[in-house]
Amino acid sequence: MALGFDEDEAVSEAERCLQCPRPWCVRGCPVGVDIPGFIRAIRERRFEDGIRIIWEKNALPAVCGRVCPHEAQCEGLCALSRGCSRYLTEEGKARIDRFLSRSNLIHRRRRPVSIGALERFLADYAAANGIRPLRGESKKEGRVALVGSGPASLAAAGELSRMGYSVTVFEALHAPGGVLRYGIPGFRLPKEVVDREIKQLEEMGVCFRCDVVIGRTLTVEELLEDFDAVFIGSGAGTPGWMGIEGESLNGIYSANEFLTRVNLMEAHRFPETDTPISVGRRVATVGGGNVAMDAARTALRLGAEESIILYRRREEEMPARKEEIENAKEEGVRFELLVAPIRYIGDENGWVREVECIRMEPGEVDASGRARPVPVEGSEFRMEVDTVIVAIGQRPNPLIPMTTPGLELGRIGNIITDEDGRTSKEGVFAGGDIASGAATVILAMGAGIRAARAIGRYIEDRRKQRSDGKYVSKDTYTG
């Protein structure tokens, strides 16, 4: 586990920042946080000012500081590592080099500023010192319902509350947080951190209603009778499967079910809790993303003697963060690369006992920009396993699209939206994985914030139309 910075370490790291006049790091942040601003505040030991700078754009800094892929976003564009050079002309690259050469030696190290760790430091400092976000503006006329309590909805809730609207978040499960609570293990994102961020939203006036399944308990149509707008952020809760022989054997979990049982239902404490989980001596996890790393590391914590990653491409082509891959290796997870399962073999009682795999070799580069894996004829082999976790992606939750007439859907069942989250149904907005398919926490938050601002414009335009004695339908509304 990354333990984070103390005050002196944070200040020392902040002093590495060049305070670029044109900060590319901000362009890499999906929610547009003033990164040089909060780093400058840390350098000057104005920690409260620093967290308030972040809160202006990001309602969940303790979460983002821990789980966002900073190396592919803000840190990936840091001038110290010349990460932004791939977007520059030769003249621009030369200008950065001149800028670096005029800086101190400590600034010329080819390592980006640890922006994520500094964000985490400020969030944890605020919690330890009782610093809370400011409450929203005086209440405006307008009530907004948010469906789901994952990162997209939480970000939208914070933004709408700051704008002064009455916000109610509906969550199907018994505790809010969505994927932050049921998907990400506590060793990466402690549940007390999730609780803390949600409590701060409650202090800002956001209301959470749990155990309400939209599409069953209530429909979106019914929400529209009581609210001025609805935001759908119900995520990607449908697991992907390979469709191979034996996939229905006992002991084979989707990563979604496996992690939910442990993270939300506390299956690791069974029989003290009601939900059991079965983890044998040897666990195989299929996939190469962050969820696969989470599942493989969780299996070790549940007592597996061996935890093995099966991935059909090479390590450099894994979608997981480098940090997560390194941590998995450090903990003893074994990587079987260029390997794909083709069937599972069970015993007479219906429990999985072996996985038959085929070896792969890199082929032509495909649409993903990676070498397409090609099966090697005659390379099949078997591996003994007691548990299999399938982590090959998730699809959008189908319940709300199925029960809401008038929503335009995409190929994978995602809700089609414009760039501001507007759907084809008047008064209904959407964002996060339900619209984009499975993506990162910070991208979902960015979508939630954009939708919240569009919802604000929508409500104000409708209010103005009513006061003018006019009504404009969704078909002609342009925002």
Protein backbone atom coordinates (compact mmCIF):
# COMPACT_ATOMS: atom_id res chain seq x y z
CA MET A 1 0.00 0.00 0.00
CA ALA A 2 1.14 3.51 -0.77
CA LEU A 3 1.22 5.34 2.56
CA GLY A 4 1.22 8.90 1.20
CA PHE A 5 3.31 11.98 2.04
CA ASP A 6 3.79 13.71 5.36
CA GLU A 7 3.95 17.52 5.40
CA ASP A 8 7.67 17.85 4.77
CA GLU A 9 7.63 15.25 1.99
CA ALA A 10 4.69 17.01 0.33
CA VAL A 11 6.41 20.40 0.46
CA SER A 12 9.64 18.92 -0.90
CA GLU A 13 7.78 17.30 -3.81
CA ALA A 14 5.80 20.49 -4.49
CA GLU A 15 9.06 22.43 -4.77
CA ARG A 16 9.93 20.34 -7.84
CA CYS A 17 7.02 21.86 -9.79
CA LEU A 18 8.16 24.33 -12.46
CA GLN A 19 4.92 26.33 -12.27
CA CYS A 20 4.79 26.31 -16.06
CA PRO A 21 3.20 29.41 -17.62
CA ARG A 22 1.19 27.08 -19.88
CA PRO A 23 0.53 24.06 -17.64
CA TRP A 24 -0.10 20.98 -19.74
CA CYS A 25 -0.91 19.00 -16.60
CA VAL A 26 -4.23 20.87 -16.31
CA ARG A 27 -5.10 19.84 -19.87
CA GLY A 28 -4.57 16.24 -18.81
CA CYS A 29 -7.04 16.51 -15.91
CA PRO A 30 -10.57 15.49 -16.98
CA VAL A 31 -12.12 17.81 -14.38
CA GLY A 32 -9.76 20.74 -14.96
CA VAL A 33 -8.26 21.13 -11.47
CA ASP A 34 -5.86 24.10 -11.10
CA ILE A 35 -2.88 21.83 -10.48
CA PRO A 36 -0.14 24.50 -10.36
CA GLY A 37 -2.34 26.50 -7.99
CA PHE A 38 -2.75 23.80 -5.37
CA ILE A 39 0.89 22.73 -5.68
CA ARG A 40 2.00 26.33 -5.13
CA ALA A 41 -0.17 26.42 -2.00
CA ILE A 42 1.53 23.26 -0.69
CA ARG A 43 4.98 24.73 -1.38
CA GLU A 44 3.98 27.77 0.72
CA ARG A 45 2.43 25.51 3.39
CA ARG A 46 -1.03 26.99 2.76
CA PHE A 47 -2.63 23.57 2.95
CA GLU A 48 -6.20 24.75 3.53
CA ASP A 49 -5.98 27.04 0.51
CA GLY A 50 -4.65 24.10 -1.51
CA ILE A 51 -7.56 21.76 -0.75
CA ARG A 52 -10.07 24.53 -1.44
CA ILE A 53 -8.49 25.04 -4.87
CA ILE A 54 -9.06 21.34 -5.59
CA TRP A 55 -12.62 21.38 -4.22
CA GLU A 56 -13.54 24.06 -6.73
CA LYS A 57 -13.41 21.37 -9.45
CA ASN A 58 -13.19 18.01 -7.70
CA ALA A 59 -15.52 16.84 -4.92
CA LEU A 60 -13.58 13.58 -4.35
CA PRO A 61 -9.86 14.41 -4.03
CA ALA A 62 -9.11 11.65 -1.51
CA VAL A 63 -10.47 9.13 -4.02
CA CYS A 64 -8.78 10.58 -7.09
CA GLY A 65 -5.47 10.94 -5.27
CA ARG A 66 -5.49 7.18 -4.70
CA VAL A 67 -6.99 5.51 -7.76
CA CYS A 68 -6.77 7.83 -10.78
CA PRO A 69 -4.33 6.87 -13.56
CA HIS A 70 -2.24 10.01 -13.09
CA GLU A 71 0.59 8.68 -15.22
CA ALA A 72 -1.74 8.69 -18.24
CA GLN A 73 -3.34 12.05 -17.45
CA CYS A 74 -1.91 14.99 -15.48
CA GLU A 75 1.48 13.44 -14.65
CA GLY A 76 1.74 12.06 -18.16
CA LEU A 77 1.87 15.63 -19.49
CA CYS A 78 4.25 17.06 -16.86
CA ALA A 79 7.03 19.15 -18.41
CA LEU A 80 9.62 17.66 -16.04
CA SER A 81 9.42 14.36 -17.89
CA ARG A 82 8.78 16.11 -21.20
CA GLY A 83 5.51 14.17 -21.25
CA CYS A 84 3.82 16.98 -23.15
CA SER A 85 6.45 16.92 -25.93
CA ARG A 86 4.44 14.48 -28.03
CA TYR A 87 1.92 17.27 -28.59
CA LEU A 88 4.48 19.97 -29.40
CA THR A 89 6.32 21.19 -32.46
CA GLU A 90 10.12 20.98 -32.53
CA GLU A 91 10.22 24.64 -31.55
CA GLY A 92 7.97 23.91 -28.58
CA LYS A 93 10.18 21.03 -27.45
CA ALA A 94 13.25 23.24 -27.69
CA ARG A 95 11.48 25.89 -25.62
CA ILE A 96 10.79 23.35 -22.86
CA ASP A 97 14.40 22.19 -22.90
CA ARG A 98 15.60 25.79 -22.53
CA PHE A 99 13.13 26.27 -19.69
CA LEU A 100 14.41 23.12 -17.96
CA SER A 101 18.03 24.09 -18.45
CA ARG A 102 17.44 27.40 -16.62
CA SER A 103 15.93 25.55 -13.66
CA ASN A 104 17.70 24.04 -10.68
CA LEU A 105 19.24 20.58 -10.99
CA ILE A 106 16.46 19.11 -8.85
CA HIS A 107 13.98 20.31 -11.44
CA ARG A 108 15.76 18.59 -14.31
CA ARG A 109 15.18 15.08 -13.09
CA ARG A 110 13.23 13.22 -15.73
CA ARG A 111 10.40 12.33 -13.35
CA PRO A 112 7.00 14.04 -13.28
CA VAL A 113 5.75 15.77 -10.15
CA SER A 114 3.72 13.29 -8.05
CA ILE A 115 0.48 15.20 -8.58
CA GLY A 116 -1.76 12.37 -7.40
CA ALA A 117 0.13 11.91 -4.14
CA LEU A 118 -0.01 15.67 -3.48
CA GLU A 119 -3.76 15.68 -4.08
CA ARG A 120 -4.14 12.79 -1.67
CA PHE A 121 -2.00 14.61 0.91
CA LEU A 122 -4.26 17.68 0.86
CA ALA A 123 -7.44 15.60 1.12
CA ASP A 124 -6.08 13.64 4.08
CA TYR A 125 -4.77 16.84 5.70
CA ALA A 126 -8.23 18.40 5.43
CA ALA A 127 -9.85 15.35 7.03
CA ALA A 128 -7.33 15.25 9.88
CA ASN A 129 -7.76 18.96 10.60
CA GLY A 130 -11.54 19.27 10.32
CA ILE A 131 -11.51 21.33 7.12
CA ARG A 132 -14.80 20.98 5.24
CA PRO A 133 -16.00 22.13 1.81
CA LEU A 134 -18.05 25.30 1.78
CA ARG A 135 -21.81 24.84 1.54
CA GLY A 136 -23.55 25.62 -1.72
CA GLU A 137 -25.14 28.89 -2.74
CA SER A 138 -28.48 29.96 -1.31
CA LYS A 139 -30.99 27.37 -2.50
CA LYS A 140 -32.28 27.81 -6.02
CA GLU A 141 -35.59 26.55 -7.31
CA GLY A 142 -34.84 23.18 -8.78
CA ARG A 143 -34.70 19.56 -7.67
CA VAL A 144 -32.44 16.99 -9.31
CA ALA A 145 -32.51 13.20 -8.94
CA LEU A 146 -29.29 11.26 -9.50
CA VAL A 147 -29.48 7.53 -10.18
CA GLY A 148 -26.56 5.53 -8.80
CA SER A 149 -23.96 6.74 -6.32
CA GLY A 150 -20.73 6.01 -8.18
CA PRO A 151 -18.12 8.61 -9.16
CA ALA A 152 -20.19 10.22 -11.96
CA SER A 153 -23.19 10.82 -9.69
CA LEU A 154 -21.09 11.90 -6.71
CA ALA A 155 -19.24 14.46 -8.82
CA ALA A 156 -22.51 15.71 -10.29
CA ALA A 157 -24.05 15.88 -6.81
CA GLY A 158 -21.20 18.03 -5.50
CA GLU A 159 -21.38 20.40 -8.46
CA LEU A 160 -25.18 20.75 -8.34
CA SER A 161 -25.11 21.31 -4.58
CA ARG A 162 -22.51 24.06 -4.99
CA MET A 163 -24.80 25.63 -7.59
CA GLY A 164 -27.60 25.68 -5.01
CA TYR A 165 -29.93 22.94 -6.24
CA SER A 166 -31.68 20.34 -4.11
CA VAL A 167 -30.01 17.00 -4.85
CA THR A 168 -31.19 13.46 -4.07
CA VAL A 169 -29.04 10.43 -4.94
CA PHE A 170 -30.80 7.06 -5.33
CA GLU A 171 -28.68 3.95 -4.72
CA ALA A 172 -29.83 0.36 -5.31
CA LEU A 173 -27.50 -1.19 -2.71
CA HIS A 174 -27.51 -0.68 1.04
CA ALA A 175 -24.55 1.73 1.11
CA PRO A 176 -23.59 4.57 -1.26
CA GLY A 177 -20.37 4.77 -3.24
CA GLY A 178 -21.01 2.55 -6.25
CA VAL A 179 -17.85 1.08 -7.73
CA LEU A 180 -15.77 3.03 -5.19
CA ARG A 181 -17.27 0.82 -2.49
CA TYR A 182 -18.00 -2.52 -4.16
CA GLY A 183 -15.36 -2.60 -6.90
CA ILE A 184 -12.10 -1.17 -5.53
CA PRO A 185 -10.49 -3.14 -2.67
CA GLY A 186 -9.79 -1.48 0.64
CA PHE A 187 -6.02 -1.84 0.25
CA ARG A 188 -6.27 0.60 -2.68
CA LEU A 189 -9.18 2.73 -1.47
CA PRO A 190 -10.08 2.33 2.22
CA LYS A 191 -13.83 2.36 2.83
CA GLU A 192 -13.42 5.01 5.52
CA VAL A 193 -12.14 7.34 2.78
CA VAL A 194 -15.27 6.68 0.71
CA ASP A 195 -17.43 7.27 3.81
CA ARG A 196 -15.59 10.51 4.47
CA GLU A 197 -16.15 11.88 0.98
CA ILE A 198 -19.85 10.95 1.07
CA LYS A 199 -20.27 12.57 4.50
CA GLN A 200 -18.84 15.79 3.11
CA LEU A 201 -21.42 15.73 0.32
CA GLU A 202 -24.15 15.19 2.93
CA GLU A 203 -22.83 18.21 4.83
CA MET A 204 -23.20 20.19 1.61
CA GLY A 205 -26.89 19.23 1.53
CA VAL A 206 -26.89 16.14 -0.72
CA CYS A 207 -29.51 13.54 0.30
CA PHE A 208 -28.78 9.81 -0.21
CA ARG A 209 -31.59 7.22 -0.47
CA CYS A 210 -30.33 3.63 -0.47
CA ASP A 211 -32.15 0.37 -1.25
CA VAL A 212 -34.04 2.06 -4.10
CA VAL A 213 -33.74 0.21 -7.42
CA ILE A 214 -34.57 2.64 -10.21
CA GLY A 215 -36.34 0.62 -12.87
CA ARG A 216 -38.03 -1.53 -10.21
CA THR A 217 -38.80 0.42 -7.00
CA LEU A 218 -39.28 3.61 -9.03
CA THR A 219 -38.91 4.43 -12.71
CA VAL A 220 -37.21 7.38 -14.36
CA GLU A 221 -40.66 8.49 -15.56
CA GLU A 222 -41.85 8.62 -11.93
CA LEU A 223 -38.75 10.59 -10.90
CA LEU A 224 -39.52 13.18 -13.57
CA GLU A 225 -42.90 13.79 -11.92
CA ASP A 226 -41.16 15.00 -8.74
CA PHE A 227 -37.83 16.33 -10.00
CA ASP A 228 -36.90 18.94 -12.60
CA ALA A 229 -34.17 16.75 -14.08
CA VAL A 230 -32.74 13.26 -13.73
CA PHE A 231 -29.10 12.22 -14.09
CA ILE A 232 -28.40 8.54 -14.77
CA GLY A 233 -25.04 7.35 -13.49
CA SER A 234 -25.81 3.70 -12.86
CA GLY A 235 -22.48 2.45 -14.20
CA ALA A 236 -21.38 -0.70 -15.98
CA GLY A 237 -22.58 -3.50 -13.74
CA THR A 238 -23.01 -6.31 -16.26
CA PRO A 239 -19.94 -8.59 -16.33
CA GLY A 240 -18.37 -9.78 -19.56
CA TRP A 241 -17.92 -13.49 -20.24
CA MET A 242 -15.91 -15.41 -22.80
CA GLY A 243 -18.67 -17.88 -23.70
CA ILE A 244 -16.41 -20.93 -23.48
CA GLU A 245 -17.18 -24.46 -22.31
CA GLY A 246 -17.49 -24.94 -18.55
CA GLU A 247 -17.92 -21.27 -17.69
CA SER A 248 -20.95 -22.05 -15.50
CA LEU A 249 -19.03 -24.40 -13.18
CA ASN A 250 -18.99 -23.67 -9.45
CA GLY A 251 -15.90 -21.74 -8.38
CA ILE A 252 -15.93 -19.46 -11.44
CA TYR A 253 -16.77 -15.85 -10.59
CA SER A 254 -17.07 -12.68 -12.56
CA ALA A 255 -14.71 -10.09 -11.09
CA ASN A 256 -17.77 -7.95 -10.38
CA GLU A 257 -19.35 -10.62 -8.17
CA PHE A 258 -16.07 -11.62 -6.53
CA LEU A 259 -15.10 -8.08 -5.54
CA THR A 260 -18.65 -7.12 -4.52
CA ARG A 261 -18.89 -10.12 -2.20
CA VAL A 262 -15.64 -9.10 -0.49
CA ASN A 263 -15.76 -5.30 -0.59
CA LEU A 264 -19.46 -4.61 0.01
CA MET A 265 -20.79 -7.80 1.63
CA GLU A 266 -17.62 -8.46 3.69
CA ALA A 267 -17.48 -12.10 2.64
CA HIS A 268 -13.97 -12.32 4.09
CA ARG A 269 -15.60 -12.20 7.55
CA PHE A 270 -18.04 -15.08 6.91
CA PRO A 271 -19.70 -16.58 8.98
CA GLU A 272 -19.78 -13.34 11.01
CA THR A 273 -21.42 -11.85 7.93
CA ASP A 274 -24.11 -13.43 5.75
CA THR A 275 -22.23 -13.70 2.44
CA PRO A 276 -19.76 -16.57 1.86
CA ILE A 277 -17.01 -16.82 -0.72
CA SER A 278 -14.98 -19.82 -1.82
CA VAL A 279 -11.28 -19.34 -2.57
CA GLY A 280 -9.18 -22.42 -3.09
CA ARG A 281 -5.47 -23.09 -3.04
CA ARG A 282 -4.82 -21.95 -6.63
CA VAL A 283 -6.74 -19.00 -8.15
CA ALA A 284 -6.55 -17.95 -11.79
CA THR A 285 -7.69 -14.47 -12.85
CA VAL A 286 -8.40 -13.92 -16.54
CA GLY A 287 -7.65 -10.40 -17.79
CA GLY A 288 -5.01 -7.68 -17.68
CA GLY A 289 -6.75 -4.56 -16.41
CA ASN A 290 -6.85 -2.87 -13.02
CA VAL A 291 -9.85 -4.99 -12.00
CA ALA A 292 -7.86 -8.16 -12.73
CA MET A 293 -5.00 -6.88 -10.54
CA ASP A 294 -7.48 -6.06 -7.76
CA ALA A 295 -9.02 -9.54 -7.94
CA ALA A 296 -5.68 -11.36 -8.02
CA ARG A 297 -4.35 -9.42 -5.02
CA THR A 298 -7.62 -9.89 -3.12
CA ALA A 299 -7.39 -13.65 -3.68
CA LEU A 300 -4.02 -13.72 -1.90
CA ARG A 301 -5.49 -11.80 1.03
CA LEU A 302 -8.29 -14.39 1.24
CA GLY A 303 -5.75 -17.19 1.70
CA ALA A 304 -4.91 -18.46 -1.79
CA GLU A 305 -1.49 -20.10 -1.94
CA GLU A 306 -1.10 -19.17 -5.61
CA SER A 307 -2.71 -16.31 -7.54
CA ILE A 308 -2.12 -16.36 -11.29
CA ILE A 309 -2.95 -13.80 -13.99
CA LEU A 310 -3.83 -15.29 -17.39
CA TYR A 311 -3.52 -12.66 -20.13
CA ARG A 312 -3.54 -13.13 -23.88
CA ARG A 313 -1.13 -10.29 -24.72
CA ARG A 314 2.29 -9.09 -23.55
CA GLU A 315 2.86 -7.18 -20.32
CA GLU A 316 3.49 -3.86 -22.08
CA GLU A 317 0.06 -4.18 -23.68
CA MET A 318 -1.80 -4.65 -20.40
CA PRO A 319 -4.39 -1.92 -19.77
CA ALA A 320 -3.67 -1.97 -16.02
CA ARG A 321 -1.64 0.83 -14.50
CA LYS A 322 2.08 0.07 -14.22
CA GLU A 323 1.89 0.73 -10.49
CA GLU A 324 -0.84 -1.91 -10.08
CA ILE A 325 1.14 -4.48 -12.09
CA GLU A 326 4.26 -3.81 -10.02
CA ASN A 327 2.32 -4.09 -6.75
CA ALA A 328 0.77 -7.38 -7.84
CA LYS A 329 4.20 -8.80 -8.65
CA GLU A 330 5.61 -7.60 -5.32
CA GLU A 331 2.83 -9.43 -3.52
CA GLY A 332 3.57 -12.68 -5.35
CA VAL A 333 0.98 -12.75 -8.13
CA ARG A 334 2.27 -14.91 -10.99
CA PHE A 335 1.82 -13.70 -14.57
CA GLU A 336 1.14 -16.17 -17.39
CA LEU A 337 1.30 -13.98 -20.51
CA LEU A 338 0.33 -14.75 -24.11
CA VAL A 339 -2.13 -17.32 -22.78
CA ALA A 340 -5.91 -17.57 -23.23
CA PRO A 341 -8.42 -20.02 -21.63
CA ILE A 342 -10.40 -22.13 -24.10
CA ARG A 343 -12.42 -24.31 -21.68
CA TYR A 344 -12.89 -25.16 -18.02
CA ILE A 345 -12.97 -28.73 -16.70
CA GLY A 346 -14.91 -29.67 -13.57
CA ASP A 347 -15.24 -32.61 -11.20
CA GLU A 348 -18.25 -34.87 -10.62
CA ASN A 349 -19.73 -32.31 -8.20
CA GLY A 350 -19.65 -29.48 -10.70
CA TRP A 351 -16.66 -27.55 -9.28
CA VAL A 352 -13.93 -26.21 -11.54
CA ARG A 353 -10.68 -28.19 -11.28
CA GLU A 354 -8.71 -27.33 -14.42
CA VAL A 355 -8.49 -24.64 -17.06
CA GLU A 356 -7.35 -25.59 -20.57
CA CYS A 357 -5.41 -22.77 -22.25
CA ILE A 358 -3.80 -22.08 -25.59
CA ARG A 359 -0.63 -20.09 -26.11
CA MET A 360 -0.76 -16.94 -28.22
CA GLU A 361 1.74 -14.97 -30.28
CA PRO A 362 1.65 -11.29 -31.27
CA GLY A 363 0.13 -10.62 -34.68
CA GLU A 364 -0.79 -7.52 -36.66
CA VAL A 365 -1.57 -4.30 -34.80
CA ASP A 366 -5.34 -3.98 -34.34
CA ALA A 367 -7.71 -1.04 -33.74
CA SER A 368 -6.58 -0.79 -30.10
CA GLY A 369 -3.03 0.00 -31.23
CA ARG A 370 -1.75 -3.27 -29.79
CA ALA A 371 -0.60 -6.47 -31.46
CA ARG A 372 -3.55 -8.79 -32.06
CA PRO A 373 -3.05 -12.09 -30.19
CA VAL A 374 -2.96 -15.11 -32.55
CA PRO A 375 -3.45 -18.69 -31.24
CA VAL A 376 -0.47 -21.00 -31.68
CA GLU A 377 -1.73 -24.24 -33.19
CA GLY A 378 -1.08 -27.32 -31.06
CA SER A 379 0.03 -25.34 -27.98
CA GLU A 380 -2.89 -26.29 -25.72
CA PHE A 381 -2.08 -27.13 -22.09
CA ARG A 382 -3.95 -27.62 -18.82
CA MET A 383 -3.52 -25.95 -15.47
CA GLU A 384 -4.97 -27.07 -12.14
CA VAL A 385 -7.17 -24.42 -10.49
CA ASP A 386 -9.63 -24.26 -7.60
CA THR A 387 -11.10 -20.83 -8.40
CA VAL A 388 -11.35 -18.71 -11.55
CA ILE A 389 -12.11 -14.98 -11.67
CA VAL A 390 -13.09 -13.59 -15.06
CA ALA A 391 -12.08 -9.92 -15.38
CA ILE A 392 -12.45 -9.15 -19.08
CA GLY A 393 -14.58 -6.02 -18.84
CA GLN A 394 -18.12 -4.96 -18.05
CA ARG A 395 -21.07 -3.62 -19.99
CA PRO A 396 -23.54 -0.90 -18.98
CA ASN A 397 -26.28 -1.88 -16.56
CA PRO A 398 -29.34 -2.65 -18.75
CA LEU A 399 -32.14 -2.14 -16.18
CA ILE A 400 -32.75 1.58 -16.64
CA PRO A 401 -32.48 1.61 -20.45
CA MET A 402 -34.94 -1.32 -20.54
CA THR A 403 -37.50 0.47 -18.36
CA THR A 404 -37.19 4.02 -19.73
CA PRO A 405 -38.91 4.61 -23.10
CA GLY A 406 -37.41 7.28 -25.32
CA LEU A 407 -33.74 6.70 -24.51
CA GLU A 408 -31.49 6.23 -27.54
CA LEU A 409 -29.03 3.39 -26.94
CA GLY A 410 -25.68 2.44 -28.43
CA ARG A 411 -24.33 -0.89 -29.66
CA ILE A 412 -23.35 -2.18 -26.21
CA GLY A 413 -26.52 -0.95 -24.51
CA ASN A 414 -25.00 2.36 -23.41
CA ILE A 415 -27.13 5.49 -23.27
CA ILE A 416 -26.32 7.89 -26.11
CA THR A 417 -25.59 11.43 -24.93
CA ASP A 418 -24.10 14.61 -26.31
CA GLU A 419 -20.87 16.02 -24.85
CA ASP A 420 -22.82 17.63 -21.98
CA GLY A 421 -24.67 14.46 -21.02
CA ARG A 422 -28.04 15.27 -22.60
CA THR A 423 -29.96 12.20 -23.71
CA SER A 424 -32.73 11.83 -26.28
CA LYS A 425 -35.33 12.13 -23.48
CA GLU A 426 -36.27 15.57 -22.20
CA GLY A 427 -34.99 16.33 -18.71
CA VAL A 428 -32.84 13.18 -18.59
CA PHE A 429 -29.04 13.35 -18.56
CA ALA A 430 -26.48 10.57 -18.23
CA GLY A 431 -22.76 10.13 -17.72
CA GLY A 432 -20.02 7.76 -16.64
CA ASP A 433 -19.89 4.08 -17.57
CA ILE A 434 -23.61 3.88 -18.42
CA ALA A 435 -22.87 6.24 -21.33
CA SER A 436 -19.24 5.56 -22.21
CA GLY A 437 -18.86 1.92 -21.25
CA ALA A 438 -16.35 0.90 -18.57
CA ALA A 439 -13.75 3.65 -18.05
CA THR A 440 -11.83 5.33 -15.22
CA VAL A 441 -13.13 7.02 -12.07
CA ILE A 442 -11.90 10.47 -13.10
CA LEU A 443 -13.41 10.26 -16.59
CA ALA A 444 -16.76 9.39 -15.00
CA MET A 445 -16.38 12.35 -12.65
CA GLY A 446 -15.62 14.67 -15.56
CA ALA A 447 -18.79 13.48 -17.31
CA GLY A 448 -20.79 14.04 -14.13
CA ILE A 449 -19.53 17.59 -13.72
CA ARG A 450 -20.27 18.50 -17.35
CA ALA A 451 -23.76 17.06 -17.03
CA ALA A 452 -24.37 18.95 -13.77
CA ARG A 453 -23.57 22.25 -15.45
CA ALA A 454 -25.83 21.38 -18.38
CA ILE A 455 -28.61 20.44 -15.92
CA GLY A 456 -28.22 23.84 -14.28
CA ARG A 457 -28.62 25.59 -17.64
CA TYR A 458 -31.59 23.37 -18.50
CA ILE A 459 -33.43 24.13 -15.23
CA GLU A 460 -32.77 27.87 -15.47
CA ASP A 461 -33.93 28.00 -19.10
CA ARG A 462 -37.11 26.11 -18.21
CA ARG A 463 -37.74 28.44 -15.28
CA LYS A 464 -37.28 31.48 -17.52
CA GLN A 465 -39.61 30.00 -20.12
CA ARG A 466 -42.29 29.47 -17.48
CA SER A 467 -41.90 33.00 -16.16
CA ASP A 468 -42.25 34.30 -19.74
CA GLY A 469 -45.33 32.17 -20.27
CA LYS A 470 -43.55 30.03 -22.88
CA TYR A 471 -42.71 26.35 -23.15
CA VAL A 472 -39.98 24.89 -25.34
CA SER A 473 -39.86 21.12 -25.83
CA LYS A 474 -36.72 19.02 -25.76
CA ASP A 475 -36.88 18.78 -29.54
CA THR A 476 -36.17 22.49 -29.90
CA TYR A 477 -34.18 23.06 -26.72
CA THR A 478 -30.52 23.78 -27.43
CA GLY A 479 -29.21 24.88 -24.04
